[in-house]
Amino acid sequence: MTQLNLTPNYTLILLIAFVSFFNLQAQPEKVNYKKIEKSINNKSSLFYYPNLFSRFLANDTTLTITDYRYLYYGFSFQEEYNPYWRSSNIDELNKVYQKKSPSQKDYQRLIKLSDEILSKSPFNLDAILNNFTAYEELSEIEISKKWFYKYDMHKG
């Protein structure tokens, strides 16, 4: 059996090629806002925003990563979109976060506060993650799985 005799230069070249290949794979896809705007306003499109958003609100786990991209970027074209909106309940959320052993009542409060945020900012990852965690801690596993799915799809 012949043994590969790679000199340090070839090893370095292979390493650079390997890292470059995976780095290229990790590059995010450029957002085509014109295409998204056209699709979300077309009633016959699979990405028609009112239909897509209804599925999102219903925790539809058949939504794909592409659906989530249209939802997320398409939200900026919706009348209720406000990029400057900030939650007024941050102090209340921080009180829950700082507890060493939150109670069930605390987790229920966390859900209520997070839902208030999501009513204005439906793709807020912190609020989505709060709901996942709270439902998990309340042993409402099926609901927590749906929130985790939303969180995971947003990251993707």
C-alpha atoms as a PDB file:
ATOM      1  CA  MET A   1       0.000   0.000   0.000  1.00  0.00           C
ATOM      2  CA  THR A   2       1.399   3.385  -0.989  1.00  0.00           C
ATOM      3  CA  GLN A   3       1.494   6.016   1.709  1.00  0.00           C
ATOM      4  CA  LEU A   4       0.669   9.624   0.895  1.00  0.00           C
ATOM      5  CA  ASN A   5       3.681  11.803   1.403  1.00  0.00           C
ATOM      6  CA  LEU A   6       2.299  15.303   1.695  1.00  0.00           C
ATOM      7  CA  THR A   7       4.859  17.968   2.178  1.00  0.00           C
ATOM      8  CA  PRO A   8       3.916  20.806   4.545  1.00  0.00           C
ATOM      9  CA  ASN A   9       3.121  23.048   1.542  1.00  0.00           C
ATOM     10  CA  TYR A  10       0.537  20.617   0.135  1.00  0.00           C
ATOM     11  CA  THR A  11      -0.957  20.092   3.573  1.00  0.00           C
ATOM     12  CA  LEU A  12      -1.338  23.828   3.997  1.00  0.00           C
ATOM     13  CA  ILE A  13      -2.932  24.170   0.556  1.00  0.00           C
ATOM     14  CA  LEU A  14      -5.396  21.374   1.329  1.00  0.00           C
ATOM     15  CA  LEU A  15      -6.237  22.946   4.681  1.00  0.00           C
ATOM     16  CA  ILE A  16      -6.858  26.360   3.094  1.00  0.00           C
ATOM     17  CA  ALA A  17      -9.009  24.788   0.359  1.00  0.00           C
ATOM     18  CA  PHE A  18     -11.026  22.861   2.946  1.00  0.00           C
ATOM     19  CA  VAL A  19     -11.636  25.931   5.135  1.00  0.00           C
ATOM     20  CA  SER A  20     -12.441  28.089   2.098  1.00  0.00           C
ATOM     21  CA  PHE A  21     -14.969  25.555   0.822  1.00  0.00           C
ATOM     22  CA  PHE A  22     -16.856  25.510   4.111  1.00  0.00           C
ATOM     23  CA  ASN A  23     -16.599  29.265   4.482  1.00  0.00           C
ATOM     24  CA  LEU A  24     -18.228  29.709   1.060  1.00  0.00           C
ATOM     25  CA  GLN A  25     -20.994  27.349   2.093  1.00  0.00           C
ATOM     26  CA  ALA A  26     -21.704  29.474   5.172  1.00  0.00           C
ATOM     27  CA  GLN A  27     -22.211  32.727   3.264  1.00  0.00           C
ATOM     28  CA  PRO A  28     -25.772  33.969   3.711  1.00  0.00           C
ATOM     29  CA  GLU A  29     -27.983  34.267   0.687  1.00  0.00           C
ATOM     30  CA  LYS A  30     -28.422  37.855  -0.486  1.00  0.00           C
ATOM     31  CA  VAL A  31     -31.944  39.130   0.189  1.00  0.00           C
ATOM     32  CA  ASN A  32     -33.887  40.166  -2.903  1.00  0.00           C
ATOM     33  CA  TYR A  33     -36.337  42.651  -1.386  1.00  0.00           C
ATOM     34  CA  LYS A  34     -38.037  43.432  -4.702  1.00  0.00           C
ATOM     35  CA  LYS A  35     -38.783  39.759  -5.294  1.00  0.00           C
ATOM     36  CA  ILE A  36     -40.056  39.348  -1.742  1.00  0.00           C
ATOM     37  CA  GLU A  37     -42.274  42.421  -1.937  1.00  0.00           C
ATOM     38  CA  LYS A  38     -43.755  41.273  -5.246  1.00  0.00           C
ATOM     39  CA  SER A  39     -44.408  37.738  -3.959  1.00  0.00           C
ATOM     40  CA  ILE A  40     -45.950  38.684  -0.617  1.00  0.00           C
ATOM     41  CA  ASN A  41     -48.413  41.035  -2.329  1.00  0.00           C
ATOM     42  CA  ASN A  42     -49.449  38.543  -5.030  1.00  0.00           C
ATOM     43  CA  LYS A  43     -52.642  36.774  -3.894  1.00  0.00           C
ATOM     44  CA  SER A  44     -51.853  33.755  -6.065  1.00  0.00           C
ATOM     45  CA  SER A  45     -48.320  33.377  -4.673  1.00  0.00           C
ATOM     46  CA  LEU A  46     -47.384  30.683  -2.157  1.00  0.00           C
ATOM     47  CA  PHE A  47     -45.743  33.522  -0.246  1.00  0.00           C
ATOM     48  CA  TYR A  48     -48.795  35.801  -0.094  1.00  0.00           C
ATOM     49  CA  TYR A  49     -48.197  37.446   3.271  1.00  0.00           C
ATOM     50  CA  PRO A  50     -51.628  37.215   4.936  1.00  0.00           C
ATOM     51  CA  ASN A  51     -51.779  33.462   4.278  1.00  0.00           C
ATOM     52  CA  LEU A  52     -48.178  32.866   5.282  1.00  0.00           C
ATOM     53  CA  PHE A  53     -48.547  34.946   8.449  1.00  0.00           C
ATOM     54  CA  SER A  54     -51.724  33.094   9.441  1.00  0.00           C
ATOM     55  CA  ARG A  55     -49.817  29.825   9.172  1.00  0.00           C
ATOM     56  CA  PHE A  56     -47.011  31.303  11.270  1.00  0.00           C
ATOM     57  CA  LEU A  57     -49.443  32.423  13.991  1.00  0.00           C
ATOM     58  CA  ALA A  58     -51.014  28.948  13.991  1.00  0.00           C
ATOM     59  CA  ASN A  59     -47.552  27.447  14.680  1.00  0.00           C
ATOM     60  CA  ASP A  60     -47.603  25.563  11.389  1.00  0.00           C
ATOM     61  CA  THR A  61     -44.550  23.313  11.480  1.00  0.00           C
ATOM     62  CA  THR A  62     -44.736  22.670   7.734  1.00  0.00           C
ATOM     63  CA  LEU A  63     -43.402  26.184   7.062  1.00  0.00           C
ATOM     64  CA  THR A  64     -40.024  25.915   5.373  1.00  0.00           C
ATOM     65  CA  ILE A  65     -36.901  27.999   5.782  1.00  0.00           C
ATOM     66  CA  THR A  66     -37.896  29.800   2.576  1.00  0.00           C
ATOM     67  CA  ASP A  67     -41.334  30.560   4.050  1.00  0.00           C
ATOM     68  CA  TYR A  68     -39.633  31.982   7.121  1.00  0.00           C
ATOM     69  CA  ARG A  69     -37.413  34.191   5.001  1.00  0.00           C
ATOM     70  CA  TYR A  70     -40.449  35.601   3.214  1.00  0.00           C
ATOM     71  CA  LEU A  71     -42.178  36.102   6.560  1.00  0.00           C
ATOM     72  CA  TYR A  72     -39.225  37.782   8.216  1.00  0.00           C
ATOM     73  CA  TYR A  73     -38.199  40.060   5.369  1.00  0.00           C
ATOM     74  CA  GLY A  74     -41.762  40.543   4.182  1.00  0.00           C
ATOM     75  CA  PHE A  75     -42.777  41.922   7.570  1.00  0.00           C
ATOM     76  CA  SER A  76     -40.879  45.103   6.738  1.00  0.00           C
ATOM     77  CA  PHE A  77     -43.454  45.764   3.991  1.00  0.00           C
ATOM     78  CA  GLN A  78     -46.425  45.445   6.360  1.00  0.00           C
ATOM     79  CA  GLU A  79     -48.268  48.512   7.626  1.00  0.00           C
ATOM     80  CA  GLU A  80     -47.780  47.505  11.280  1.00  0.00           C
ATOM     81  CA  TYR A  81     -43.992  47.244  10.899  1.00  0.00           C
ATOM     82  CA  ASN A  82     -42.142  49.696  13.120  1.00  0.00           C
ATOM     83  CA  PRO A  83     -38.358  49.273  13.203  1.00  0.00           C
ATOM     84  CA  TYR A  84     -38.106  51.669  16.172  1.00  0.00           C
ATOM     85  CA  TRP A  85     -40.609  49.908  18.438  1.00  0.00           C
ATOM     86  CA  ARG A  86     -39.234  48.838  21.809  1.00  0.00           C
ATOM     87  CA  SER A  87     -41.017  46.893  24.498  1.00  0.00           C
ATOM     88  CA  SER A  88     -42.015  48.774  27.632  1.00  0.00           C
ATOM     89  CA  ASN A  89     -41.914  45.610  29.746  1.00  0.00           C
ATOM     90  CA  ILE A  90     -38.145  45.030  29.763  1.00  0.00           C
ATOM     91  CA  ASP A  91     -37.919  45.753  33.510  1.00  0.00           C
ATOM     92  CA  GLU A  92     -40.603  43.161  34.244  1.00  0.00           C
ATOM     93  CA  LEU A  93     -38.831  40.609  32.060  1.00  0.00           C
ATOM     94  CA  ASN A  94     -35.553  41.298  33.851  1.00  0.00           C
ATOM     95  CA  LYS A  95     -37.210  40.599  37.216  1.00  0.00           C
ATOM     96  CA  VAL A  96     -38.170  37.144  35.999  1.00  0.00           C
ATOM     97  CA  TYR A  97     -34.715  36.555  34.465  1.00  0.00           C
ATOM     98  CA  GLN A  98     -32.955  37.425  37.713  1.00  0.00           C
ATOM     99  CA  LYS A  99     -34.799  34.893  39.841  1.00  0.00           C
ATOM    100  CA  LYS A 100     -32.685  31.914  40.816  1.00  0.00           C
ATOM    101  CA  SER A 101     -35.650  29.554  40.968  1.00  0.00           C
ATOM    102  CA  PRO A 102     -38.579  30.915  38.951  1.00  0.00           C
ATOM    103  CA  SER A 103     -41.989  29.540  39.902  1.00  0.00           C
ATOM    104  CA  GLN A 104     -44.701  28.322  37.561  1.00  0.00           C
ATOM    105  CA  LYS A 105     -46.368  31.690  38.041  1.00  0.00           C
ATOM    106  CA  ASP A 106     -43.131  33.381  36.900  1.00  0.00           C
ATOM    107  CA  TYR A 107     -43.047  31.262  33.747  1.00  0.00           C
ATOM    108  CA  GLN A 108     -46.688  32.081  33.040  1.00  0.00           C
ATOM    109  CA  ARG A 109     -45.809  35.764  33.463  1.00  0.00           C
ATOM    110  CA  LEU A 110     -42.854  35.328  31.106  1.00  0.00           C
ATOM    111  CA  ILE A 111     -45.205  33.899  28.456  1.00  0.00           C
ATOM    112  CA  LYS A 112     -47.630  36.801  28.889  1.00  0.00           C
ATOM    113  CA  LEU A 113     -44.853  39.395  28.595  1.00  0.00           C
ATOM    114  CA  SER A 114     -43.280  37.647  25.615  1.00  0.00           C
ATOM    115  CA  ASP A 115     -46.650  37.376  23.872  1.00  0.00           C
ATOM    116  CA  GLU A 116     -47.081  41.135  24.303  1.00  0.00           C
ATOM    117  CA  ILE A 117     -43.744  41.657  22.569  1.00  0.00           C
ATOM    118  CA  LEU A 118     -44.647  39.207  19.807  1.00  0.00           C
ATOM    119  CA  SER A 119     -47.926  41.021  19.147  1.00  0.00           C
ATOM    120  CA  LYS A 120     -45.866  44.030  17.977  1.00  0.00           C
ATOM    121  CA  SER A 121     -42.679  42.302  16.880  1.00  0.00           C
ATOM    122  CA  PRO A 122     -43.641  38.764  15.807  1.00  0.00           C
ATOM    123  CA  PHE A 123     -40.101  37.700  14.895  1.00  0.00           C
ATOM    124  CA  ASN A 124     -38.395  38.798  18.109  1.00  0.00           C
ATOM    125  CA  LEU A 125     -36.024  35.905  18.823  1.00  0.00           C
ATOM    126  CA  ASP A 126     -35.711  36.686  22.523  1.00  0.00           C
ATOM    127  CA  ALA A 127     -39.473  36.528  23.018  1.00  0.00           C
ATOM    128  CA  ILE A 128     -39.735  33.346  20.942  1.00  0.00           C
ATOM    129  CA  LEU A 129     -36.959  31.755  23.006  1.00  0.00           C
ATOM    130  CA  ASN A 130     -38.673  32.930  26.219  1.00  0.00           C
ATOM    131  CA  ASN A 131     -41.844  31.132  25.192  1.00  0.00           C
ATOM    132  CA  PHE A 132     -39.950  27.983  24.308  1.00  0.00           C
ATOM    133  CA  THR A 133     -38.199  27.985  27.690  1.00  0.00           C
ATOM    134  CA  ALA A 134     -41.295  28.855  29.714  1.00  0.00           C
ATOM    135  CA  TYR A 135     -43.482  26.197  28.100  1.00  0.00           C
ATOM    136  CA  GLU A 136     -40.691  23.670  28.546  1.00  0.00           C
ATOM    137  CA  GLU A 137     -40.436  24.539  32.246  1.00  0.00           C
ATOM    138  CA  LEU A 138     -44.216  24.266  32.582  1.00  0.00           C
ATOM    139  CA  SER A 139     -43.968  20.760  31.063  1.00  0.00           C
ATOM    140  CA  GLU A 140     -46.058  21.779  28.072  1.00  0.00           C
ATOM    141  CA  ILE A 141     -43.696  19.940  25.774  1.00  0.00           C
ATOM    142  CA  GLU A 142     -45.747  19.975  22.554  1.00  0.00           C
ATOM    143  CA  ILE A 143     -46.208  23.737  22.752  1.00  0.00           C
ATOM    144  CA  SER A 144     -42.543  24.263  23.616  1.00  0.00           C
ATOM    145  CA  LYS A 145     -41.535  22.196  20.573  1.00  0.00           C
ATOM    146  CA  LYS A 146     -43.514  24.543  18.321  1.00  0.00           C
ATOM    147  CA  TRP A 147     -41.770  27.563  19.810  1.00  0.00           C
ATOM    148  CA  PHE A 148     -38.407  25.899  19.396  1.00  0.00           C
ATOM    149  CA  TYR A 149     -39.277  25.185  15.743  1.00  0.00           C
ATOM    150  CA  LYS A 150     -39.982  28.898  15.225  1.00  0.00           C
ATOM    151  CA  TYR A 151     -36.724  29.803  16.922  1.00  0.00           C
ATOM    152  CA  ASP A 152     -34.734  27.266  14.942  1.00  0.00           C
ATOM    153  CA  MET A 153     -36.241  28.316  11.603  1.00  0.00           C
ATOM    154  CA  HIS A 154     -35.442  31.977  12.289  1.00  0.00           C
ATOM    155  CA  LYS A 155     -31.832  31.159  12.877  1.00  0.00           C
ATOM    156  CA  GLY A 156     -31.614  29.115   9.696  1.00  0.00           C
END
